[in-house]
Amino acid sequence: MLTLVPPYTAADVIRELASGNWDPASDRTHQNALSALIPGWVAAGITLADLAVLREYSVHARERLSASYLAGCSDMGSLMSKARRVIEWRDIQVARIVAQSTP
């Protein structure tokens, strides 16, 4: 049987998100659960770059994320969509403010 190795691991996910608004309390206890979810995330097209957007979102929206939160997230695609929209909106607002303040 051929087994595909996901392009990132639970440790990579935690490392990426840890510099955001991250609660490390459940990192060890939920690492296996995250590992089990990663193939589904990969199949849905979620990359480490997407998780970087989720990290930015957690800081901007002041939403505390954790390994247990992600393990219990029933719709990671929806969470990623919300994160992308919020960060895109933030970037548009910042660009607008910069444009208005430049003579």
N, C-alpha and C. Protein backbone atom coordinates (compact mmCIF):
# COMPACT_ATOMS: atom_id res chain seq x y z
N MET A 1 0.84 -1.17 0.00
CA MET A 1 0.00 0.00 0.00
C MET A 1 0.89 1.24 0.00
N LEU A 2 0.52 2.20 -0.81
CA LEU A 2 1.24 3.47 -0.91
C LEU A 2 0.65 4.46 0.08
N THR A 3 1.52 5.04 0.90
CA THR A 3 1.08 6.04 1.87
C THR A 3 1.74 7.37 1.51
N LEU A 4 0.93 8.38 1.33
CA LEU A 4 1.46 9.70 1.03
C LEU A 4 1.79 10.44 2.31
N VAL A 5 2.91 11.12 2.29
CA VAL A 5 3.34 11.90 3.45
C VAL A 5 2.89 13.34 3.24
N PRO A 6 2.13 13.88 4.18
CA PRO A 6 1.68 15.28 4.04
C PRO A 6 2.89 16.22 3.98
N PRO A 7 2.73 17.37 3.33
CA PRO A 7 3.85 18.31 3.17
C PRO A 7 4.22 19.05 4.46
N TYR A 8 3.43 18.90 5.51
CA TYR A 8 3.77 19.50 6.79
C TYR A 8 3.23 18.61 7.91
N THR A 9 3.76 18.83 9.11
CA THR A 9 3.40 18.01 10.26
C THR A 9 2.68 18.86 11.30
N ALA A 10 2.19 18.20 12.34
CA ALA A 10 1.55 18.92 13.45
C ALA A 10 2.55 19.88 14.09
N ALA A 11 3.80 19.45 14.20
CA ALA A 11 4.83 20.34 14.77
C ALA A 11 5.01 21.58 13.91
N ASP A 12 4.93 21.42 12.57
CA ASP A 12 5.02 22.58 11.67
C ASP A 12 3.84 23.53 11.87
N VAL A 13 2.65 22.95 12.04
CA VAL A 13 1.45 23.76 12.28
C VAL A 13 1.61 24.57 13.56
N ILE A 14 2.01 23.89 14.62
CA ILE A 14 2.18 24.56 15.92
C ILE A 14 3.26 25.63 15.83
N ARG A 15 4.37 25.31 15.18
CA ARG A 15 5.47 26.27 15.04
C ARG A 15 4.99 27.51 14.27
N GLU A 16 4.21 27.31 13.21
CA GLU A 16 3.71 28.43 12.40
C GLU A 16 2.76 29.31 13.20
N LEU A 17 1.86 28.70 13.94
CA LEU A 17 0.83 29.46 14.65
C LEU A 17 1.30 30.01 16.00
N ALA A 18 2.38 29.46 16.53
CA ALA A 18 2.83 29.83 17.88
C ALA A 18 3.22 31.30 18.00
N SER A 19 3.61 31.93 16.91
CA SER A 19 3.98 33.35 17.01
C SER A 19 2.77 34.27 16.91
N GLY A 20 1.60 33.68 16.77
CA GLY A 20 0.36 34.46 16.77
C GLY A 20 -0.25 34.47 18.15
N ASN A 21 -1.55 34.59 18.20
CA ASN A 21 -2.28 34.57 19.47
C ASN A 21 -2.58 33.09 19.78
N TRP A 22 -1.61 32.41 20.36
CA TRP A 22 -1.60 30.96 20.49
C TRP A 22 -1.50 30.55 21.96
N ASP A 23 -2.32 29.60 22.36
CA ASP A 23 -2.27 29.02 23.70
C ASP A 23 -1.55 27.68 23.61
N PRO A 24 -0.34 27.57 24.15
CA PRO A 24 0.44 26.35 24.01
C PRO A 24 0.05 25.22 24.96
N ALA A 25 -0.94 25.43 25.80
CA ALA A 25 -1.28 24.46 26.85
C ALA A 25 -1.60 23.07 26.30
N SER A 26 -2.20 22.99 25.11
CA SER A 26 -2.61 21.68 24.60
C SER A 26 -1.73 21.18 23.46
N ASP A 27 -0.57 21.79 23.26
CA ASP A 27 0.30 21.40 22.15
C ASP A 27 0.64 19.91 22.19
N ARG A 28 1.08 19.42 23.32
CA ARG A 28 1.49 18.01 23.42
C ARG A 28 0.31 17.05 23.39
N THR A 29 -0.75 17.40 24.08
CA THR A 29 -1.88 16.47 24.20
C THR A 29 -2.68 16.33 22.91
N HIS A 30 -2.63 17.31 22.04
CA HIS A 30 -3.45 17.28 20.83
C HIS A 30 -2.64 17.15 19.55
N GLN A 31 -1.34 16.89 19.66
CA GLN A 31 -0.49 16.79 18.48
C GLN A 31 -0.92 15.62 17.58
N ASN A 32 -1.29 14.49 18.17
CA ASN A 32 -1.75 13.35 17.36
C ASN A 32 -3.06 13.67 16.64
N ALA A 33 -3.94 14.38 17.32
CA ALA A 33 -5.21 14.76 16.69
C ALA A 33 -4.96 15.69 15.50
N LEU A 34 -4.05 16.64 15.67
CA LEU A 34 -3.71 17.53 14.55
C LEU A 34 -3.11 16.73 13.40
N SER A 35 -2.23 15.79 13.73
CA SER A 35 -1.60 14.96 12.70
C SER A 35 -2.65 14.21 11.89
N ALA A 36 -3.69 13.76 12.55
CA ALA A 36 -4.75 13.03 11.86
C ALA A 36 -5.57 13.94 10.94
N LEU A 37 -5.66 15.22 11.27
CA LEU A 37 -6.45 16.16 10.47
C LEU A 37 -5.69 16.70 9.26
N ILE A 38 -4.39 16.70 9.32
CA ILE A 38 -3.58 17.34 8.27
C ILE A 38 -3.85 16.77 6.87
N PRO A 39 -3.97 15.47 6.68
CA PRO A 39 -4.27 14.99 5.31
C PRO A 39 -5.55 15.59 4.74
N GLY A 40 -6.55 15.79 5.57
CA GLY A 40 -7.79 16.43 5.11
C GLY A 40 -7.57 17.88 4.77
N TRP A 41 -6.76 18.57 5.56
CA TRP A 41 -6.45 19.96 5.26
C TRP A 41 -5.70 20.07 3.94
N VAL A 42 -4.73 19.16 3.74
CA VAL A 42 -3.96 19.17 2.50
C VAL A 42 -4.88 18.90 1.32
N ALA A 43 -5.77 17.93 1.47
CA ALA A 43 -6.72 17.62 0.40
C ALA A 43 -7.62 18.82 0.10
N ALA A 44 -7.90 19.64 1.10
CA ALA A 44 -8.72 20.83 0.91
C ALA A 44 -7.90 22.01 0.39
N GLY A 45 -6.59 21.80 0.21
CA GLY A 45 -5.73 22.85 -0.33
C GLY A 45 -5.15 23.80 0.70
N ILE A 46 -5.22 23.44 1.98
CA ILE A 46 -4.68 24.31 3.03
C ILE A 46 -3.19 24.05 3.16
N THR A 47 -2.41 25.10 2.96
CA THR A 47 -0.95 25.02 3.00
C THR A 47 -0.41 25.72 4.24
N LEU A 48 0.91 25.61 4.44
CA LEU A 48 1.52 26.35 5.54
C LEU A 48 1.38 27.86 5.33
N ALA A 49 1.38 28.30 4.09
CA ALA A 49 1.16 29.73 3.81
C ALA A 49 -0.22 30.16 4.28
N ASP A 50 -1.21 29.28 4.11
CA ASP A 50 -2.55 29.58 4.60
C ASP A 50 -2.55 29.67 6.13
N LEU A 51 -1.79 28.80 6.76
CA LEU A 51 -1.71 28.82 8.22
C LEU A 51 -1.02 30.09 8.71
N ALA A 52 -0.12 30.65 7.90
CA ALA A 52 0.48 31.94 8.25
C ALA A 52 -0.59 33.04 8.24
N VAL A 53 -1.53 32.95 7.29
CA VAL A 53 -2.65 33.90 7.27
C VAL A 53 -3.52 33.70 8.51
N LEU A 54 -3.73 32.45 8.90
CA LEU A 54 -4.50 32.17 10.12
C LEU A 54 -3.80 32.75 11.34
N ARG A 55 -2.47 32.68 11.36
CA ARG A 55 -1.69 33.28 12.46
C ARG A 55 -1.92 34.79 12.50
N GLU A 56 -1.82 35.44 11.33
CA GLU A 56 -2.07 36.89 11.26
C GLU A 56 -3.48 37.22 11.73
N TYR A 57 -4.44 36.42 11.30
CA TYR A 57 -5.83 36.62 11.69
C TYR A 57 -5.97 36.53 13.21
N SER A 58 -5.32 35.54 13.82
CA SER A 58 -5.46 35.36 15.27
C SER A 58 -4.97 36.59 16.03
N VAL A 59 -3.93 37.22 15.51
CA VAL A 59 -3.41 38.44 16.14
C VAL A 59 -4.36 39.61 15.89
N HIS A 60 -4.74 39.79 14.62
CA HIS A 60 -5.59 40.92 14.26
C HIS A 60 -6.95 40.86 14.95
N ALA A 61 -7.57 39.69 14.94
CA ALA A 61 -8.91 39.54 15.51
C ALA A 61 -8.88 39.23 17.01
N ARG A 62 -7.69 39.11 17.55
CA ARG A 62 -7.51 38.76 18.97
C ARG A 62 -8.24 37.47 19.32
N GLU A 63 -8.20 36.53 18.38
CA GLU A 63 -8.82 35.23 18.60
C GLU A 63 -7.74 34.25 19.04
N ARG A 64 -7.89 33.73 20.23
CA ARG A 64 -6.89 32.81 20.80
C ARG A 64 -7.08 31.43 20.19
N LEU A 65 -6.05 30.94 19.51
CA LEU A 65 -6.08 29.62 18.92
C LEU A 65 -5.25 28.66 19.75
N SER A 66 -5.49 27.37 19.58
CA SER A 66 -4.72 26.34 20.28
C SER A 66 -4.84 25.05 19.50
N ALA A 67 -4.01 24.09 19.87
CA ALA A 67 -4.07 22.78 19.22
C ALA A 67 -5.43 22.14 19.48
N SER A 68 -5.96 22.29 20.68
CA SER A 68 -7.26 21.69 20.98
C SER A 68 -8.37 22.39 20.19
N TYR A 69 -8.27 23.70 19.99
CA TYR A 69 -9.24 24.43 19.19
C TYR A 69 -9.24 23.91 17.76
N LEU A 70 -8.05 23.77 17.17
CA LEU A 70 -7.96 23.28 15.80
C LEU A 70 -8.42 21.84 15.68
N ALA A 71 -8.10 21.02 16.67
CA ALA A 71 -8.52 19.61 16.66
C ALA A 71 -10.04 19.51 16.72
N GLY A 72 -10.69 20.45 17.37
CA GLY A 72 -12.15 20.44 17.49
C GLY A 72 -12.86 21.23 16.42
N CYS A 73 -12.10 21.87 15.53
CA CYS A 73 -12.69 22.70 14.48
C CYS A 73 -13.32 21.79 13.42
N SER A 74 -14.62 21.87 13.28
CA SER A 74 -15.33 20.99 12.36
C SER A 74 -15.26 21.45 10.91
N ASP A 75 -14.89 22.71 10.67
CA ASP A 75 -14.84 23.23 9.30
C ASP A 75 -13.65 24.16 9.14
N MET A 76 -12.49 23.55 8.95
CA MET A 76 -11.26 24.33 8.81
C MET A 76 -11.32 25.21 7.56
N GLY A 77 -11.99 24.74 6.51
CA GLY A 77 -12.12 25.54 5.30
C GLY A 77 -12.85 26.84 5.56
N SER A 78 -13.88 26.79 6.36
CA SER A 78 -14.64 27.99 6.71
C SER A 78 -13.79 28.94 7.56
N LEU A 79 -13.06 28.38 8.51
CA LEU A 79 -12.18 29.21 9.35
C LEU A 79 -11.12 29.89 8.48
N MET A 80 -10.53 29.15 7.54
CA MET A 80 -9.51 29.73 6.67
C MET A 80 -10.12 30.81 5.78
N SER A 81 -11.33 30.59 5.29
CA SER A 81 -12.00 31.58 4.45
C SER A 81 -12.22 32.87 5.23
N LYS A 82 -12.68 32.74 6.46
CA LYS A 82 -12.90 33.92 7.31
C LYS A 82 -11.58 34.64 7.55
N ALA A 83 -10.53 33.89 7.85
CA ALA A 83 -9.22 34.48 8.12
C ALA A 83 -8.72 35.23 6.89
N ARG A 84 -8.83 34.62 5.72
CA ARG A 84 -8.38 35.27 4.48
C ARG A 84 -9.15 36.57 4.22
N ARG A 85 -10.48 36.53 4.39
CA ARG A 85 -11.30 37.72 4.15
C ARG A 85 -10.95 38.85 5.11
N VAL A 86 -10.76 38.52 6.38
CA VAL A 86 -10.43 39.54 7.37
C VAL A 86 -9.07 40.16 7.08
N ILE A 87 -8.08 39.34 6.78
CA ILE A 87 -6.74 39.87 6.51
C ILE A 87 -6.74 40.66 5.20
N GLU A 88 -7.47 40.21 4.20
CA GLU A 88 -7.58 40.96 2.95
C GLU A 88 -8.23 42.32 3.20
N TRP A 89 -9.31 42.33 3.99
CA TRP A 89 -9.99 43.59 4.34
C TRP A 89 -9.03 44.51 5.08
N ARG A 90 -8.29 43.97 6.04
CA ARG A 90 -7.32 44.77 6.80
C ARG A 90 -6.29 45.39 5.87
N ASP A 91 -5.75 44.60 4.95
CA ASP A 91 -4.73 45.10 4.03
C ASP A 91 -5.29 46.19 3.12
N ILE A 92 -6.54 46.04 2.67
CA ILE A 92 -7.18 47.06 1.83
C ILE A 92 -7.35 48.35 2.63
N GLN A 93 -7.77 48.25 3.87
CA GLN A 93 -7.97 49.44 4.71
C GLN A 93 -6.65 50.15 4.96
N VAL A 94 -5.59 49.40 5.24
CA VAL A 94 -4.28 50.00 5.46
C VAL A 94 -3.80 50.70 4.20
N ALA A 95 -3.96 50.05 3.05
CA ALA A 95 -3.54 50.67 1.78
C ALA A 95 -4.32 51.96 1.51
N ARG A 96 -5.62 51.95 1.83
CA ARG A 96 -6.45 53.14 1.63
C ARG A 96 -5.98 54.28 2.53
N ILE A 97 -5.69 53.96 3.77
CA ILE A 97 -5.23 54.99 4.71
C ILE A 97 -3.89 55.55 4.28
N VAL A 98 -3.00 54.69 3.84
CA VAL A 98 -1.69 55.15 3.37
C VAL A 98 -1.85 56.03 2.14
N ALA A 99 -2.71 55.61 1.21
CA ALA A 99 -2.94 56.40 0.00
C ALA A 99 -3.51 57.76 0.33
N GLN A 100 -4.40 57.83 1.30
CA GLN A 100 -5.03 59.11 1.67
C GLN A 100 -4.05 60.03 2.40
N SER A 101 -3.08 59.46 3.08
CA SER A 101 -2.13 60.28 3.83
C SER A 101 -0.92 60.69 3.01
N THR A 102 -0.79 60.15 1.81
CA THR A 102 0.33 60.50 0.94
C THR A 102 -0.10 61.65 0.03
N PRO A 103 0.69 62.76 0.06
CA PRO A 103 0.31 63.92 -0.75
C PRO A 103 0.49 63.68 -2.23
